[in-house]
Structure formats: C-alpha cells, structure tokens
Amino acid sequence: MASSFRAFLNSSVGPKTTHFWGPVANWGFVLAGLVDMNKPPEMISGNMTSAMCVYSALFMRFAWMVQPRNYLLLACHASNETVQLYQLSRWARAQGYLSDKKDKATLQ
C-alpha cells in the first residue's frame, strides 16, 4: 500500500504536478454550478454560461490529447459541461427561447 501511494506521489500526474492541481482547482466551477441550481434562472448570465460551455468543451479535448492523458481534468470538465448546459437550458427556458412540452400541448 505504501509503495503504491509513493508511486502515485511521484507519478507524472501526481500531486507534485500541475496535472493534479489544475483539475482539483477546476472542480470549483462544478461546485459553483451545482450551487447555482438553487438560484432563480433570471440570475443566470447567458453569455457567461455559454463561455463556460465552450471553455469546458475545449479543455475536455485538451485533457484527452495531452500526454500523459489527464483523466482527472477530463472528468472535471465533462462534469462542468453537464452542469453548465443544464444552467444554459434553464436560462434559455426563462428567456423564452425554449418552451416546455406542456406549453406546446396547451397551445394546440
């Protein structure tokens, strides 16, 4: 057990590298998005949420292409992409860009 932990500490993606601390810091975006789910959709910035979606999509590709592959960064940005797309859908629905299926059914 101690030897595997030592191997992790000294690995190319261990806590002595930016391959570890960058993704750890980026989990803050995911947590902030999860906390924002409790706020009213009128408080969501469509521009900022869209920028976060593009940012996470770009960095998912980066995490996949960089050597060694950074699975922690990939998981972080995939999670953030999911949260931000949900927030963007809440914003779009509040702005009237998307409508609920119930609304379409009552219009017919």
Protein backbone atom coordinates (compact mmCIF):
# COMPACT_ATOMS: atom_id res chain seq x y z
CA MET A 1 0.00 0.00 0.00
CA ALA A 2 2.75 2.44 0.93
CA SER A 3 4.66 1.69 -2.25
CA SER A 4 1.61 2.33 -4.46
CA PHE A 5 0.94 5.62 -2.66
CA ARG A 6 4.60 6.61 -3.09
CA ALA A 7 4.35 5.69 -6.78
CA PHE A 8 1.28 7.95 -7.11
CA LEU A 9 3.06 10.82 -5.34
CA ASN A 10 5.97 10.62 -7.75
CA SER A 11 3.99 9.85 -10.91
CA SER A 12 3.66 12.21 -13.88
CA VAL A 13 0.06 13.01 -12.85
CA GLY A 14 0.58 13.01 -9.09
CA PRO A 15 0.15 15.87 -6.61
CA LYS A 16 3.63 17.21 -7.35
CA THR A 17 2.48 18.30 -10.82
CA THR A 18 0.04 20.70 -12.43
CA HIS A 19 -1.68 17.66 -13.96
CA PHE A 20 -3.13 17.14 -10.49
CA TRP A 21 -3.66 20.61 -9.02
CA GLY A 22 -5.17 22.19 -12.15
CA PRO A 23 -8.12 19.79 -12.21
CA VAL A 24 -8.53 19.96 -8.44
CA ALA A 25 -8.90 23.75 -8.68
CA ASN A 26 -11.31 23.44 -11.64
CA TRP A 27 -13.74 21.37 -9.56
CA GLY A 28 -14.68 24.75 -8.06
CA PHE A 29 -16.50 25.57 -11.30
CA VAL A 30 -18.56 22.40 -10.98
CA LEU A 31 -19.40 23.11 -7.35
CA ALA A 32 -20.38 26.70 -8.16
CA GLY A 33 -22.66 25.49 -10.96
CA LEU A 34 -24.31 22.98 -8.65
CA VAL A 35 -24.91 25.67 -6.02
CA ASP A 36 -26.37 27.97 -8.69
CA MET A 37 -29.05 25.39 -9.48
CA ASN A 38 -30.91 26.67 -6.41
CA LYS A 39 -30.96 30.24 -7.71
CA PRO A 40 -33.72 31.59 -9.94
CA PRO A 41 -32.96 31.30 -13.67
CA GLU A 42 -33.28 35.07 -14.07
CA MET A 43 -29.93 35.40 -12.27
CA ILE A 44 -28.08 33.25 -14.84
CA SER A 45 -25.86 35.05 -17.33
CA GLY A 46 -26.39 33.50 -20.76
CA ASN A 47 -23.09 34.91 -22.04
CA MET A 48 -21.01 33.63 -19.13
CA THR A 49 -22.69 30.23 -19.13
CA SER A 50 -22.10 29.90 -22.88
CA ALA A 51 -18.45 30.85 -22.38
CA MET A 52 -18.12 28.20 -19.66
CA CYS A 53 -19.60 25.60 -22.03
CA VAL A 54 -17.07 26.45 -24.74
CA TYR A 55 -14.23 26.55 -22.18
CA SER A 56 -15.06 23.11 -20.81
CA ALA A 57 -15.51 21.61 -24.27
CA LEU A 58 -12.08 22.90 -25.34
CA PHE A 59 -10.38 21.66 -22.21
CA MET A 60 -12.03 18.24 -22.46
CA ARG A 61 -10.26 17.88 -25.79
CA PHE A 62 -7.01 19.17 -24.30
CA ALA A 63 -7.23 16.70 -21.39
CA TRP A 64 -7.69 13.87 -23.87
CA MET A 65 -4.86 14.90 -26.20
CA VAL A 66 -2.18 15.88 -23.66
CA GLN A 67 0.40 13.23 -22.77
CA PRO A 68 0.03 11.66 -20.30
CA ARG A 69 -3.75 11.77 -20.63
CA ASN A 70 -5.28 13.72 -17.81
CA TYR A 71 -8.38 11.77 -16.82
CA LEU A 72 -8.96 13.91 -13.73
CA LEU A 73 -9.13 17.05 -15.89
CA LEU A 74 -11.35 15.27 -18.40
CA ALA A 75 -13.79 14.21 -15.67
CA CYS A 76 -13.79 17.70 -14.21
CA HIS A 77 -14.62 19.41 -17.50
CA ALA A 78 -17.16 16.77 -18.53
CA SER A 79 -18.93 17.38 -15.23
CA ASN A 80 -18.73 21.14 -15.70
CA GLU A 81 -20.04 20.86 -19.26
CA THR A 82 -23.04 18.91 -17.99
CA VAL A 83 -23.78 21.41 -15.22
CA GLN A 84 -23.32 24.44 -17.48
CA LEU A 85 -25.50 23.01 -20.27
CA TYR A 86 -28.25 22.44 -17.71
CA GLN A 87 -27.84 26.03 -16.49
CA LEU A 88 -27.93 27.27 -20.08
CA SER A 89 -31.17 25.38 -20.69
CA ARG A 90 -32.66 26.96 -17.55
CA TRP A 91 -31.63 30.40 -18.79
CA ALA A 92 -32.98 29.76 -22.31
CA ARG A 93 -36.29 28.50 -20.91
CA ALA A 94 -36.60 31.59 -18.67
CA GLN A 95 -35.85 33.86 -21.64
CA GLY A 96 -38.48 32.12 -23.76
CA TYR A 97 -36.05 30.53 -26.21
CA LEU A 98 -37.14 27.06 -25.11
CA SER A 99 -40.60 26.07 -24.08
CA ASP A 100 -41.86 23.18 -22.03
CA LYS A 101 -43.75 20.38 -23.74
CA LYS A 102 -46.72 21.23 -21.53
CA ASP A 103 -46.85 24.74 -23.03
CA LYS A 104 -46.93 23.35 -26.59
CA ALA A 105 -49.71 20.92 -25.70
CA THR A 106 -51.94 23.66 -24.26
CA LEU A 107 -51.46 25.85 -27.35
CA GLN A 108 -52.88 23.21 -29.68
